């Protein structure tokens, strides 16, 4: 009985009772090959995109460097001209007073300071 149970355990572990047919094996190989080819295609697309990004970054840096050099050589605009160039009319933030901090607030009234109780 020990030999039979051991034999049964081995059969369960290695699936000896269910032999894998050549058809199933071929199907699994085809699945693996198709997934491998899909993976390779995706990796190739990723590499192409990375190259395009690198080229775009290099082109942007090359385009901004001469513009920055030209900007340094150009005469400086007055402060008022810079302000006008920076914001569109009607979109600038209006100067608003800041909310008072707790140090600038009056003390909170206590029960003895509350004058509304006597009038009710």
PDB file of N, CA and C in Angstrom:
ATOM      1  N   UNK A   1       0.818  -1.195   0.000  1.00  0.00           N
ATOM      2  CA  UNK A   1       0.000   0.000   0.000  1.00  0.00           C
ATOM      3  C   UNK A   1       0.861   1.258   0.000  1.00  0.00           C
ATOM      4  N   UNK A   2       1.989   1.202   0.665  1.00  0.00           N
ATOM      5  CA  UNK A   2       2.906   2.347   0.669  1.00  0.00           C
ATOM      6  C   UNK A   2       3.413   2.594  -0.745  1.00  0.00           C
ATOM      7  N   UNK A   3       3.748   1.524  -1.447  1.00  0.00           N
ATOM      8  CA  UNK A   3       4.247   1.652  -2.813  1.00  0.00           C
ATOM      9  C   UNK A   3       3.172   2.234  -3.721  1.00  0.00           C
ATOM     10  N   UNK A   4       1.921   1.823  -3.532  1.00  0.00           N
ATOM     11  CA  UNK A   4       0.833   2.338  -4.369  1.00  0.00           C
ATOM     12  C   UNK A   4       0.598   3.826  -4.099  1.00  0.00           C
ATOM     13  N   UNK A   5       0.591   4.214  -2.844  1.00  0.00           N
ATOM     14  CA  UNK A   5       0.369   5.626  -2.522  1.00  0.00           C
ATOM     15  C   UNK A   5       1.526   6.483  -3.035  1.00  0.00           C
ATOM     16  N   UNK A   6       2.748   5.961  -2.928  1.00  0.00           N
ATOM     17  CA  UNK A   6       3.904   6.686  -3.451  1.00  0.00           C
ATOM     18  C   UNK A   6       3.803   6.813  -4.968  1.00  0.00           C
ATOM     19  N   UNK A   7       3.404   5.723  -5.618  1.00  0.00           N
ATOM     20  CA  UNK A   7       3.234   5.730  -7.066  1.00  0.00           C
ATOM     21  C   UNK A   7       2.142   6.722  -7.467  1.00  0.00           C
ATOM     22  N   UNK A   8       1.066   6.771  -6.718  1.00  0.00           N
ATOM     23  CA  UNK A   8      -0.032   7.701  -6.997  1.00  0.00           C
ATOM     24  C   UNK A   8       0.426   9.150  -6.822  1.00  0.00           C
ATOM     25  N   UNK A   9       1.201   9.426  -5.781  1.00  0.00           N
ATOM     26  CA  UNK A   9       1.722  10.776  -5.560  1.00  0.00           C
ATOM     27  C   UNK A   9       2.629  11.203  -6.700  1.00  0.00           C
ATOM     28  N   UNK A  10       3.504  10.296  -7.150  1.00  0.00           N
ATOM     29  CA  UNK A  10       4.371  10.612  -8.287  1.00  0.00           C
ATOM     30  C   UNK A  10       3.549  10.877  -9.539  1.00  0.00           C
ATOM     31  N   UNK A  11       2.532  10.080  -9.758  1.00  0.00           N
ATOM     32  CA  UNK A  11       1.673  10.261 -10.926  1.00  0.00           C
ATOM     33  C   UNK A  11       0.968  11.613 -10.858  1.00  0.00           C
ATOM     34  N   UNK A  12       0.524  12.007  -9.666  1.00  0.00           N
ATOM     35  CA  UNK A  12      -0.134  13.303  -9.502  1.00  0.00           C
ATOM     36  C   UNK A  12       0.839  14.457  -9.733  1.00  0.00           C
ATOM     37  N   UNK A  13       2.049  14.300  -9.215  1.00  0.00           N
ATOM     38  CA  UNK A  13       3.046  15.361  -9.351  1.00  0.00           C
ATOM     39  C   UNK A  13       3.445  15.548 -10.808  1.00  0.00           C
ATOM     40  N   UNK A  14       3.745  14.463 -11.488  1.00  0.00           N
ATOM     41  CA  UNK A  14       4.244  14.548 -12.860  1.00  0.00           C
ATOM     42  C   UNK A  14       3.157  14.332 -13.902  1.00  0.00           C
ATOM     43  N   UNK A  15       1.927  14.229 -13.480  1.00  0.00           N
ATOM     44  CA  UNK A  15       0.782  14.046 -14.370  1.00  0.00           C
ATOM     45  C   UNK A  15       0.992  12.864 -15.315  1.00  0.00           C
ATOM     46  N   UNK A  16       1.359  11.768 -14.751  1.00  0.00           N
ATOM     47  CA  UNK A  16       1.617  10.582 -15.562  1.00  0.00           C
ATOM     48  C   UNK A  16       0.330   9.967 -16.083  1.00  0.00           C
ATOM     49  N   UNK A  17      -0.778  10.197 -15.423  1.00  0.00           N
ATOM     50  CA  UNK A  17      -2.048   9.641 -15.869  1.00  0.00           C
ATOM     51  C   UNK A  17      -2.592  10.377 -17.086  1.00  0.00           C
ATOM     52  N   UNK A  18      -2.233  11.658 -17.238  1.00  0.00           N
ATOM     53  CA  UNK A  18      -2.712  12.467 -18.358  1.00  0.00           C
ATOM     54  C   UNK A  18      -1.538  12.783 -19.273  1.00  0.00           C
ATOM     55  N   UNK A  19      -1.240  11.887 -20.179  1.00  0.00           N
ATOM     56  CA  UNK A  19      -0.100  12.166 -21.052  1.00  0.00           C
ATOM     57  C   UNK A  19      -0.386  13.370 -21.958  1.00  0.00           C
ATOM     58  N   UNK A  20       0.612  14.215 -22.106  1.00  0.00           N
ATOM     59  CA  UNK A  20       0.488  15.397 -22.946  1.00  0.00           C
ATOM     60  C   UNK A  20       0.635  14.952 -24.390  1.00  0.00           C
ATOM     61  N   UNK A  21      -0.343  15.274 -25.183  1.00  0.00           N
ATOM     62  CA  UNK A  21      -0.295  14.847 -26.580  1.00  0.00           C
ATOM     63  C   UNK A  21       0.573  15.804 -27.378  1.00  0.00           C
ATOM     64  N   UNK A  22       1.009  15.319 -28.523  1.00  0.00           N
ATOM     65  CA  UNK A  22       1.821  16.159 -29.406  1.00  0.00           C
ATOM     66  C   UNK A  22       1.029  17.376 -29.871  1.00  0.00           C
ATOM     67  N   UNK A  23      -0.255  17.212 -30.027  1.00  0.00           N
ATOM     68  CA  UNK A  23      -1.099  18.321 -30.473  1.00  0.00           C
ATOM     69  C   UNK A  23      -1.108  19.442 -29.439  1.00  0.00           C
ATOM     70  N   UNK A  24      -1.258  19.083 -28.168  1.00  0.00           N
ATOM     71  CA  UNK A  24      -1.242  20.085 -27.103  1.00  0.00           C
ATOM     72  C   UNK A  24       0.120  20.762 -27.028  1.00  0.00           C
ATOM     73  N   UNK A  25       1.167  19.960 -27.199  1.00  0.00           N
ATOM     74  CA  UNK A  25       2.513  20.517 -27.152  1.00  0.00           C
ATOM     75  C   UNK A  25       2.728  21.505 -28.288  1.00  0.00           C
ATOM     76  N   UNK A  26       2.302  21.142 -29.501  1.00  0.00           N
ATOM     77  CA  UNK A  26       2.446  22.045 -30.642  1.00  0.00           C
ATOM     78  C   UNK A  26       1.649  23.333 -30.425  1.00  0.00           C
ATOM     79  N   UNK A  27       0.465  23.182 -29.858  1.00  0.00           N
ATOM     80  CA  UNK A  27      -0.361  24.362 -29.594  1.00  0.00           C
ATOM     81  C   UNK A  27       0.326  25.289 -28.589  1.00  0.00           C
ATOM     82  N   UNK A  28       0.899  24.724 -27.558  1.00  0.00           N
ATOM     83  CA  UNK A  28       1.608  25.531 -26.563  1.00  0.00           C
ATOM     84  C   UNK A  28       2.816  26.216 -27.180  1.00  0.00           C
ATOM     85  N   UNK A  29       3.546  25.501 -28.034  1.00  0.00           N
ATOM     86  CA  UNK A  29       4.706  26.103 -28.705  1.00  0.00           C
ATOM     87  C   UNK A  29       4.270  27.270 -29.577  1.00  0.00           C
ATOM     88  N   UNK A  30       3.160  27.106 -30.296  1.00  0.00           N
ATOM     89  CA  UNK A  30       2.668  28.189 -31.148  1.00  0.00           C
ATOM     90  C   UNK A  30       2.261  29.400 -30.307  1.00  0.00           C
ATOM     91  N   UNK A  31       1.617  29.129 -29.181  1.00  0.00           N
ATOM     92  CA  UNK A  31       1.237  30.235 -28.293  1.00  0.00           C
ATOM     93  C   UNK A  31       2.467  30.987 -27.804  1.00  0.00           C
ATOM     94  N   UNK A  32       3.480  30.244 -27.399  1.00  0.00           N
ATOM     95  CA  UNK A  32       4.707  30.871 -26.908  1.00  0.00           C
ATOM     96  C   UNK A  32       5.374  31.663 -28.025  1.00  0.00           C
ATOM     97  N   UNK A  33       5.420  31.100 -29.237  1.00  0.00           N
ATOM     98  CA  UNK A  33       6.052  31.799 -30.355  1.00  0.00           C
ATOM     99  C   UNK A  33       5.290  33.072 -30.713  1.00  0.00           C
ATOM    100  N   UNK A  34       3.954  33.002 -30.733  1.00  0.00           N
ATOM    101  CA  UNK A  34       3.184  34.202 -31.074  1.00  0.00           C
ATOM    102  C   UNK A  34       3.346  35.273 -29.996  1.00  0.00           C
ATOM    103  N   UNK A  35       3.361  34.862 -28.736  1.00  0.00           N
ATOM    104  CA  UNK A  35       3.551  35.834 -27.661  1.00  0.00           C
ATOM    105  C   UNK A  35       4.953  36.432 -27.709  1.00  0.00           C
ATOM    106  N   UNK A  36       5.935  35.612 -28.068  1.00  0.00           N
ATOM    107  CA  UNK A  36       7.304  36.109 -28.186  1.00  0.00           C
ATOM    108  C   UNK A  36       7.403  37.128 -29.311  1.00  0.00           C
ATOM    109  N   UNK A  37       6.761  36.839 -30.445  1.00  0.00           N
ATOM    110  CA  UNK A  37       6.821  37.787 -31.560  1.00  0.00           C
ATOM    111  C   UNK A  37       6.090  39.083 -31.209  1.00  0.00           C
ATOM    112  N   UNK A  38       4.969  38.992 -30.495  1.00  0.00           N
ATOM    113  CA  UNK A  38       4.266  40.199 -30.053  1.00  0.00           C
ATOM    114  C   UNK A  38       5.138  41.019 -29.112  1.00  0.00           C
ATOM    115  N   UNK A  39       5.808  40.338 -28.206  1.00  0.00           N
ATOM    116  CA  UNK A  39       6.691  41.020 -27.263  1.00  0.00           C
ATOM    117  C   UNK A  39       7.832  41.723 -27.995  1.00  0.00           C
ATOM    118  N   UNK A  40       8.420  41.037 -28.976  1.00  0.00           N
ATOM    119  CA  UNK A  40       9.508  41.652 -29.744  1.00  0.00           C
ATOM    120  C   UNK A  40       9.011  42.875 -30.501  1.00  0.00           C
ATOM    121  N   UNK A  41       7.803  42.789 -31.068  1.00  0.00           N
ATOM    122  CA  UNK A  41       7.248  43.934 -31.790  1.00  0.00           C
ATOM    123  C   UNK A  41       7.022  45.110 -30.841  1.00  0.00           C
ATOM    124  N   UNK A  42       6.506  44.828 -29.651  1.00  0.00           N
ATOM    125  CA  UNK A  42       6.294  45.898 -28.671  1.00  0.00           C
ATOM    126  C   UNK A  42       7.614  46.519 -28.230  1.00  0.00           C
ATOM    127  N   UNK A  43       8.618  45.680 -28.003  1.00  0.00           N
ATOM    128  CA  UNK A  43       9.928  46.206 -27.610  1.00  0.00           C
ATOM    129  C   UNK A  43      10.511  47.076 -28.711  1.00  0.00           C
ATOM    130  N   UNK A  44      10.333  46.661 -29.969  1.00  0.00           N
ATOM    131  CA  UNK A  44      10.834  47.444 -31.097  1.00  0.00           C
ATOM    132  C   UNK A  44      10.123  48.796 -31.147  1.00  0.00           C
ATOM    133  N   UNK A  45       8.801  48.807 -30.943  1.00  0.00           N
ATOM    134  CA  UNK A  45       8.055  50.067 -30.945  1.00  0.00           C
ATOM    135  C   UNK A  45       8.502  50.977 -29.805  1.00  0.00           C
ATOM    136  N   UNK A  46       8.757  50.388 -28.652  1.00  0.00           N
ATOM    137  CA  UNK A  46       9.221  51.185 -27.506  1.00  0.00           C
ATOM    138  C   UNK A  46      10.570  51.820 -27.816  1.00  0.00           C
ATOM    139  N   UNK A  47      11.486  51.041 -28.397  1.00  0.00           N
ATOM    140  CA  UNK A  47      12.799  51.598 -28.749  1.00  0.00           C
ATOM    141  C   UNK A  47      12.658  52.720 -29.766  1.00  0.00           C
ATOM    142  N   UNK A  48      11.774  52.547 -30.760  1.00  0.00           N
ATOM    143  CA  UNK A  48      11.561  53.600 -31.754  1.00  0.00           C
ATOM    144  C   UNK A  48      11.018  54.866 -31.098  1.00  0.00           C
ATOM    145  N   UNK A  49      10.076  54.697 -30.174  1.00  0.00           N
ATOM    146  CA  UNK A  49       9.518  55.867 -29.477  1.00  0.00           C
ATOM    147  C   UNK A  49      10.577  56.558 -28.632  1.00  0.00           C
ATOM    148  N   UNK A  50      11.420  55.774 -27.960  1.00  0.00           N
ATOM    149  CA  UNK A  50      12.490  56.367 -27.159  1.00  0.00           C
ATOM    150  C   UNK A  50      13.446  57.152 -28.042  1.00  0.00           C
ATOM    151  N   UNK A  51      13.764  56.620 -29.216  1.00  0.00           N
ATOM    152  CA  UNK A  51      14.645  57.336 -30.141  1.00  0.00           C
ATOM    153  C   UNK A  51      13.998  58.648 -30.586  1.00  0.00           C
ATOM    154  N   UNK A  52      12.699  58.592 -30.900  1.00  0.00           N
ATOM    155  CA  UNK A  52      12.007  59.816 -31.312  1.00  0.00           C
ATOM    156  C   UNK A  52      12.015  60.848 -30.194  1.00  0.00           C
ATOM    157  N   UNK A  53      11.781  60.393 -28.966  1.00  0.00           N
ATOM    158  CA  UNK A  53      11.807  61.322 -27.833  1.00  0.00           C
ATOM    159  C   UNK A  53      13.181  61.951 -27.666  1.00  0.00           C
ATOM    160  N   UNK A  54      14.224  61.133 -27.779  1.00  0.00           N
ATOM    161  CA  UNK A  54      15.585  61.667 -27.669  1.00  0.00           C
ATOM    162  C   UNK A  54      15.841  62.694 -28.756  1.00  0.00           C
ATOM    163  N   UNK A  55      15.436  62.376 -29.989  1.00  0.00           N
ATOM    164  CA  UNK A  55      15.651  63.304 -31.094  1.00  0.00           C
ATOM    165  C   UNK A  55      14.868  64.596 -30.879  1.00  0.00           C
ATOM    166  N   UNK A  56      13.636  64.487 -30.394  1.00  0.00           N
ATOM    167  CA  UNK A  56      12.837  65.688 -30.129  1.00  0.00           C
ATOM    168  C   UNK A  56      13.472  66.538 -29.039  1.00  0.00           C
ATOM    169  N   UNK A  57      13.974  65.903 -27.985  1.00  0.00           N
ATOM    170  CA  UNK A  57      14.616  66.652 -26.906  1.00  0.00           C
ATOM    171  C   UNK A  57      15.875  67.338 -27.398  1.00  0.00           C
ATOM    172  N   UNK A  58      16.650  66.646 -28.226  1.00  0.00           N
ATOM    173  CA  UNK A  58      17.869  67.244 -28.769  1.00  0.00           C
ATOM    174  C   UNK A  58      17.503  68.418 -29.666  1.00  0.00           C
ATOM    175  N   UNK A  59      16.473  68.252 -30.497  1.00  0.00           N
ATOM    176  CA  UNK A  59      16.048  69.333 -31.388  1.00  0.00           C
ATOM    177  C   UNK A  59      15.526  70.527 -30.593  1.00  0.00           C
ATOM    178  N   UNK A  60      14.773  70.278 -29.523  1.00  0.00           N
ATOM    179  CA  UNK A  60      14.259  71.374 -28.708  1.00  0.00           C
ATOM    180  C   UNK A  60      15.391  72.128 -28.024  1.00  0.00           C
ATOM    181  N   UNK A  61      16.373  71.383 -27.516  1.00  0.00           N
ATOM    182  CA  UNK A  61      17.504  72.029 -26.854  1.00  0.00           C
ATOM    183  C   UNK A  61      18.306  72.845 -27.857  1.00  0.00           C
ATOM    184  N   UNK A  62      18.486  72.308 -29.052  1.00  0.00           N
ATOM    185  CA  UNK A  62      19.230  73.033 -30.078  1.00  0.00           C
ATOM    186  C   UNK A  62      18.469  74.291 -30.490  1.00  0.00           C
ATOM    187  N   UNK A  63      17.152  74.220 -30.527  1.00  0.00           N
ATOM    188  CA  UNK A  63      16.346  75.369 -30.928  1.00  0.00           C
ATOM    189  C   UNK A  63      16.313  76.433 -29.831  1.00  0.00           C
ATOM    190  N   UNK A  64      16.308  76.028 -28.569  1.00  0.00           N
ATOM    191  CA  UNK A  64      16.225  77.013 -27.492  1.00  0.00           C
ATOM    192  C   UNK A  64      17.564  77.660 -27.192  1.00  0.00           C
ATOM    193  N   UNK A  65      18.653  76.984 -27.419  1.00  0.00           N
ATOM    194  CA  UNK A  65      19.965  77.558 -27.123  1.00  0.00           C
ATOM    195  C   UNK A  65      20.267  78.764 -28.006  1.00  0.00           C
ATOM    196  N   UNK A  66      20.074  78.711 -29.331  1.00  0.00           N
ATOM    197  CA  UNK A  66      20.316  79.922 -30.123  1.00  0.00           C
ATOM    198  C   UNK A  66      19.333  81.035 -29.772  1.00  0.00           C
ATOM    199  N   UNK A  67      18.095  80.684 -29.461  1.00  0.00           N
ATOM    200  CA  UNK A  67      17.116  81.706 -29.094  1.00  0.00           C
ATOM    201  C   UNK A  67      17.519  82.377 -27.790  1.00  0.00           C
ATOM    202  N   UNK A  68      18.029  81.618 -26.852  1.00  0.00           N
ATOM    203  CA  UNK A  68      18.471  82.192 -25.585  1.00  0.00           C
ATOM    204  C   UNK A  68      19.678  83.089 -25.809  1.00  0.00           C
ATOM    205  N   UNK A  69      20.570  82.680 -26.670  1.00  0.00           N
ATOM    206  CA  UNK A  69      21.742  83.497 -26.968  1.00  0.00           C
ATOM    207  C   UNK A  69      21.317  84.790 -27.653  1.00  0.00           C
ATOM    208  N   UNK A  70      20.338  84.721 -28.540  1.00  0.00           N
ATOM    209  CA  UNK A  70      19.836  85.917 -29.209  1.00  0.00           C
ATOM    210  C   UNK A  70      19.131  86.817 -28.206  1.00  0.00           C
ATOM    211  N   UNK A  71      18.436  86.235 -27.248  1.00  0.00           N
ATOM    212  CA  UNK A  71      17.750  87.019 -26.223  1.00  0.00           C
ATOM    213  C   UNK A  71      18.732  87.756 -25.342  1.00  0.00           C
ATOM    214  N   UNK A  72      19.878  87.152 -25.064  1.00  0.00           N
ATOM    215  CA  UNK A  72      20.891  87.812 -24.252  1.00  0.00           C
ATOM    216  C   UNK A  72      21.492  88.993 -24.998  1.00  0.00           C
ATOM    217  N   UNK A  73      21.610  88.869 -26.307  1.00  0.00           N
ATOM    218  CA  UNK A  73      22.211  89.934 -27.097  1.00  0.00           C
ATOM    219  C   UNK A  73      21.229  91.074 -27.328  1.00  0.00           C
ATOM    220  N   UNK A  74      19.934  90.812 -27.274  1.00  0.00           N
ATOM    221  CA  UNK A  74      18.931  91.841 -27.517  1.00  0.00           C
ATOM    222  C   UNK A  74      18.916  92.819 -26.349  1.00  0.00           C
ATOM    223  N   UNK A  75      18.560  94.092 -26.615  1.00  0.00           N
ATOM    224  CA  UNK A  75      18.505  95.060 -25.518  1.00  0.00           C
ATOM    225  C   UNK A  75      17.400  94.686 -24.539  1.00  0.00           C
ATOM    226  N   UNK A  76      17.641  94.963 -23.272  1.00  0.00           N
ATOM    227  CA  UNK A  76      16.684  94.613 -22.228  1.00  0.00           C
ATOM    228  C   UNK A  76      15.469  95.525 -22.325  1.00  0.00           C
ATOM    229  N   UNK A  77      14.281  94.945 -22.187  1.00  0.00           N
ATOM    230  CA  UNK A  77      13.054  95.726 -22.226  1.00  0.00           C
ATOM    231  C   UNK A  77      12.846  96.397 -20.877  1.00  0.00           C
ATOM    232  N   UNK A  78      12.103  97.482 -20.895  1.00  0.00           N
ATOM    233  CA  UNK A  78      11.806  98.142 -19.632  1.00  0.00           C
ATOM    234  C   UNK A  78      10.895  97.249 -18.801  1.00  0.00           C
ATOM    235  N   UNK A  79      10.824  97.521 -17.523  1.00  0.00           N
ATOM    236  CA  UNK A  79      10.019  96.683 -16.626  1.00  0.00           C
ATOM    237  C   UNK A  79       8.549  96.729 -17.029  1.00  0.00           C
ATOM    238  N   UNK A  80       8.076  97.893 -17.424  1.00  0.00           N
ATOM    239  CA  UNK A  80       6.678  98.025 -17.828  1.00  0.00           C
ATOM    240  C   UNK A  80       6.397  97.214 -19.095  1.00  0.00           C
ATOM    241  N   UNK A  81       7.309  97.226 -20.051  1.00  0.00           N
ATOM    242  CA  UNK A  81       7.136  96.460 -21.286  1.00  0.00           C
ATOM    243  C   UNK A  81       7.141  94.966 -20.990  1.00  0.00           C
ATOM    244  N   UNK A  82       7.971  94.548 -20.046  1.00  0.00           N
ATOM    245  CA  UNK A  82       8.003  93.132 -19.674  1.00  0.00           C
ATOM    246  C   UNK A  82       6.683  92.720 -19.035  1.00  0.00           C
ATOM    247  N   UNK A  83       6.116  93.572 -18.183  1.00  0.00           N
ATOM    248  CA  UNK A  83       4.845  93.256 -17.537  1.00  0.00           C
ATOM    249  C   UNK A  83       3.731  93.129 -18.570  1.00  0.00           C
ATOM    250  N   UNK A  84       3.716  94.043 -19.545  1.00  0.00           N
ATOM    251  CA  UNK A  84       2.684  93.990 -20.579  1.00  0.00           C
ATOM    252  C   UNK A  84       2.830  92.739 -21.436  1.00  0.00           C
ATOM    253  N   UNK A  85       4.050  92.339 -21.701  1.00  0.00           N
ATOM    254  CA  UNK A  85       4.285  91.169 -22.537  1.00  0.00           C
ATOM    255  C   UNK A  85       3.917  89.887 -21.805  1.00  0.00           C
ATOM    256  N   UNK A  86       4.015  89.879 -20.500  1.00  0.00           N
ATOM    257  CA  UNK A  86       3.791  88.664 -19.722  1.00  0.00           C
ATOM    258  C   UNK A  86       2.320  88.311 -19.560  1.00  0.00           C
ATOM    259  N   UNK A  87       1.454  89.295 -19.330  1.00  0.00           N
ATOM    260  CA  UNK A  87       0.064  88.960 -19.045  1.00  0.00           C
ATOM    261  C   UNK A  87      -0.862  89.620 -20.049  1.00  0.00           C
ATOM    262  N   UNK A  88      -1.981  88.965 -20.264  1.00  0.00           N
ATOM    263  CA  UNK A  88      -3.005  89.511 -21.144  1.00  0.00           C
ATOM    264  C   UNK A  88      -3.920  90.414 -20.326  1.00  0.00           C
ATOM    265  N   UNK A  89      -4.524  91.390 -20.960  1.00  0.00           N
ATOM    266  CA  UNK A  89      -5.415  92.292 -20.225  1.00  0.00           C
ATOM    267  C   UNK A  89      -6.569  91.516 -19.598  1.00  0.00           C
ATOM    268  N   UNK A  90      -6.876  91.857 -18.362  1.00  0.00           N
ATOM    269  CA  UNK A  90      -7.998  91.235 -17.677  1.00  0.00           C
ATOM    270  C   UNK A  90      -7.688  89.895 -17.036  1.00  0.00           C
ATOM    271  N   UNK A  91      -6.489  89.372 -17.242  1.00  0.00           N
ATOM    272  CA  UNK A  91      -6.173  88.064 -16.670  1.00  0.00           C
ATOM    273  C   UNK A  91      -5.225  88.162 -15.494  1.00  0.00           C
ATOM    274  N   UNK A  92      -4.697  89.337 -15.245  1.00  0.00           N
ATOM    275  CA  UNK A  92      -3.743  89.487 -14.148  1.00  0.00           C
ATOM    276  C   UNK A  92      -4.472  89.387 -12.817  1.00  0.00           C
ATOM    277  N   UNK A  93      -3.811  88.825 -11.821  1.00  0.00           N
ATOM    278  CA  UNK A  93      -4.401  88.731 -10.481  1.00  0.00           C
ATOM    279  C   UNK A  93      -4.408  90.108  -9.844  1.00  0.00           C
ATOM    280  N   UNK A  94      -5.514  90.436  -9.258  1.00  0.00           N
ATOM    281  CA  UNK A  94      -5.617  91.706  -8.557  1.00  0.00           C
ATOM    282  C   UNK A  94      -4.946  91.566  -7.199  1.00  0.00           C
ATOM    283  N   UNK A  95      -4.317  92.643  -6.755  1.00  0.00           N
ATOM    284  CA  UNK A  95      -3.701  92.608  -5.431  1.00  0.00           C
ATOM    285  C   UNK A  95      -4.800  92.578  -4.385  1.00  0.00           C
ATOM    286  N   UNK A  96      -4.770  91.565  -3.547  1.00  0.00           N
ATOM    287  CA  UNK A  96      -5.775  91.420  -2.504  1.00  0.00           C
ATOM    288  C   UNK A  96      -5.069  91.402  -1.163  1.00  0.00           C
ATOM    289  N   UNK A  97      -5.695  92.014  -0.162  1.00  0.00           N
ATOM    290  CA  UNK A  97      -5.061  91.975   1.161  1.00  0.00           C
ATOM    291  C   UNK A  97      -5.072  90.544   1.692  1.00  0.00           C
ATOM    292  N   UNK A  98      -4.034  90.215   2.403  1.00  0.00           N
ATOM    293  CA  UNK A  98      -3.927  88.881   2.984  1.00  0.00           C
ATOM    294  C   UNK A  98      -4.885  88.736   4.153  1.00  0.00           C
ATOM    295  N   UNK A  99      -5.297  87.534   4.421  1.00  0.00           N
ATOM    296  CA  UNK A  99      -6.153  87.261   5.574  1.00  0.00           C
ATOM    297  C   UNK A  99      -5.347  87.540   6.832  1.00  0.00           C
ATOM    298  N   UNK A 100      -5.985  88.106   7.834  1.00  0.00           N
ATOM    299  CA  UNK A 100      -5.231  88.420   9.056  1.00  0.00           C
ATOM    300  C   UNK A 100      -4.749  87.147   9.740  1.00  0.00           C
ATOM    301  N   UNK A 101      -3.552  87.208  10.255  1.00  0.00           N
ATOM    302  CA  UNK A 101      -3.026  86.050  10.972  1.00  0.00           C
ATOM    303  C   UNK A 101      -3.587  86.050  12.386  1.00  0.00           C
ATOM    304  N   UNK A 102      -3.406  84.965  13.095  1.00  0.00           N
ATOM    305  CA  UNK A 102      -3.957  84.860  14.448  1.00  0.00           C
ATOM    306  C   UNK A 102      -3.328  85.886  15.388  1.00  0.00           C
ATOM    307  N   UNK A 103      -2.125  86.347  15.099  1.00  0.00           N
ATOM    308  CA  UNK A 103      -1.480  87.342  15.957  1.00  0.00           C
ATOM    309  C   UNK A 103      -2.170  88.697  15.829  1.00  0.00           C
ATOM    310  N   UNK A 104      -2.783  88.982  14.669  1.00  0.00           N
ATOM    311  CA  UNK A 104      -3.427  90.270  14.438  1.00  0.00           C
ATOM    312  C   UNK A 104      -4.915  90.255  14.754  1.00  0.00           C
ATOM    313  N   UNK A 105      -5.455  89.130  15.177  1.00  0.00           N
ATOM    314  CA  UNK A 105      -6.888  89.005  15.440  1.00  0.00           C
ATOM    315  C   UNK A 105      -7.202  89.497  16.853  1.00  0.00           C
ATOM    316  N   UNK A 106      -8.380  90.083  17.046  1.00  0.00           N
ATOM    317  CA  UNK A 106      -8.775  90.480  18.408  1.00  0.00           C
ATOM    318  C   UNK A 106      -9.075  89.232  19.228  1.00  0.00           C
ATOM    319  N   UNK A 107      -9.029  89.337  20.530  1.00  0.00           N
ATOM    320  CA  UNK A 107      -9.292  88.159  21.362  1.00  0.00           C
ATOM    321  C   UNK A 107     -10.738  87.697  21.213  1.00  0.00           C
ATOM    322  N   UNK A 108     -10.947  86.414  21.365  1.00  0.00           N
ATOM    323  CA  UNK A 108     -12.286  85.842  21.273  1.00  0.00           C
ATOM    324  C   UNK A 108     -13.077  86.230  22.518  1.00  0.00           C
ATOM    325  N   UNK A 109     -14.312  86.725  22.357  1.00  0.00           N
ATOM    326  CA  UNK A 109     -15.088  87.130  23.537  1.00  0.00           C
ATOM    327  C   UNK A 109     -15.440  85.923  24.401  1.00  0.00           C
ATOM    328  N   UNK A 110     -15.409  86.126  25.702  1.00  0.00           N
ATOM    329  CA  UNK A 110     -15.779  85.069  26.644  1.00  0.00           C
ATOM    330  C   UNK A 110     -17.217  85.298  27.083  1.00  0.00           C
ATOM    331  N   UNK A 111     -17.748  84.449  27.944  1.00  0.00           N
ATOM    332  CA  UNK A 111     -19.145  84.542  28.383  1.00  0.00           C
ATOM    333  C   UNK A 111     -19.428  85.870  29.066  1.00  0.00           C
ATOM    334  N   UNK A 112     -18.497  86.400  29.831  1.00  0.00           N
ATOM    335  CA  UNK A 112     -18.726  87.656  30.547  1.00  0.00           C
ATOM    336  C   UNK A 112     -18.685  88.847  29.596  1.00  0.00           C
ATOM    337  N   UNK A 113     -18.027  88.709  28.430  1.00  0.00           N
ATOM    338  CA  UNK A 113     -17.927  89.813  27.481  1.00  0.00           C
ATOM    339  C   UNK A 113     -19.052  89.803  26.457  1.00  0.00           C
ATOM    340  N   UNK A 114     -19.869  88.752  26.429  1.00  0.00           N
ATOM    341  CA  UNK A 114     -20.920  88.625  25.434  1.00  0.00           C
ATOM    342  C   UNK A 114     -22.085  89.523  25.833  1.00  0.00           C
ATOM    343  N   UNK A 115     -22.312  90.616  25.128  1.00  0.00           N
ATOM    344  CA  UNK A 115     -23.346  91.571  25.481  1.00  0.00           C
ATOM    345  C   UNK A 115     -24.716  91.200  24.966  1.00  0.00           C
ATOM    346  N   UNK A 116     -24.857  90.198  24.100  1.00  0.00           N
ATOM    347  CA  UNK A 116     -26.141  89.843  23.506  1.00  0.00           C
ATOM    348  C   UNK A 116     -27.026  89.032  24.446  1.00  0.00           C
ATOM    349  N   UNK A 117     -26.510  88.466  25.494  1.00  0.00           N
ATOM    350  CA  UNK A 117     -27.301  87.592  26.365  1.00  0.00           C
ATOM    351  C   UNK A 117     -28.354  88.382  27.150  1.00  0.00           C
ATOM    352  N   UNK A 118     -28.014  89.576  27.577  1.00  0.00           N
ATOM    353  CA  UNK A 118     -28.922  90.356  28.407  1.00  0.00           C
ATOM    354  C   UNK A 118     -30.112  90.860  27.599  1.00  0.00           C
ATOM    355  N   UNK A 119     -29.953  91.044  26.286  1.00  0.00           N
ATOM    356  CA  UNK A 119     -30.995  91.610  25.444  1.00  0.00           C
ATOM    357  C   UNK A 119     -32.005  90.567  24.992  1.00  0.00           C
ATOM    358  N   UNK A 120     -31.726  89.308  25.089  1.00  0.00           N
ATOM    359  CA  UNK A 120     -32.620  88.268  24.579  1.00  0.00           C
ATOM    360  C   UNK A 120     -33.785  87.997  25.434  1.00  0.00           C
TER     361      UNK A 120
END
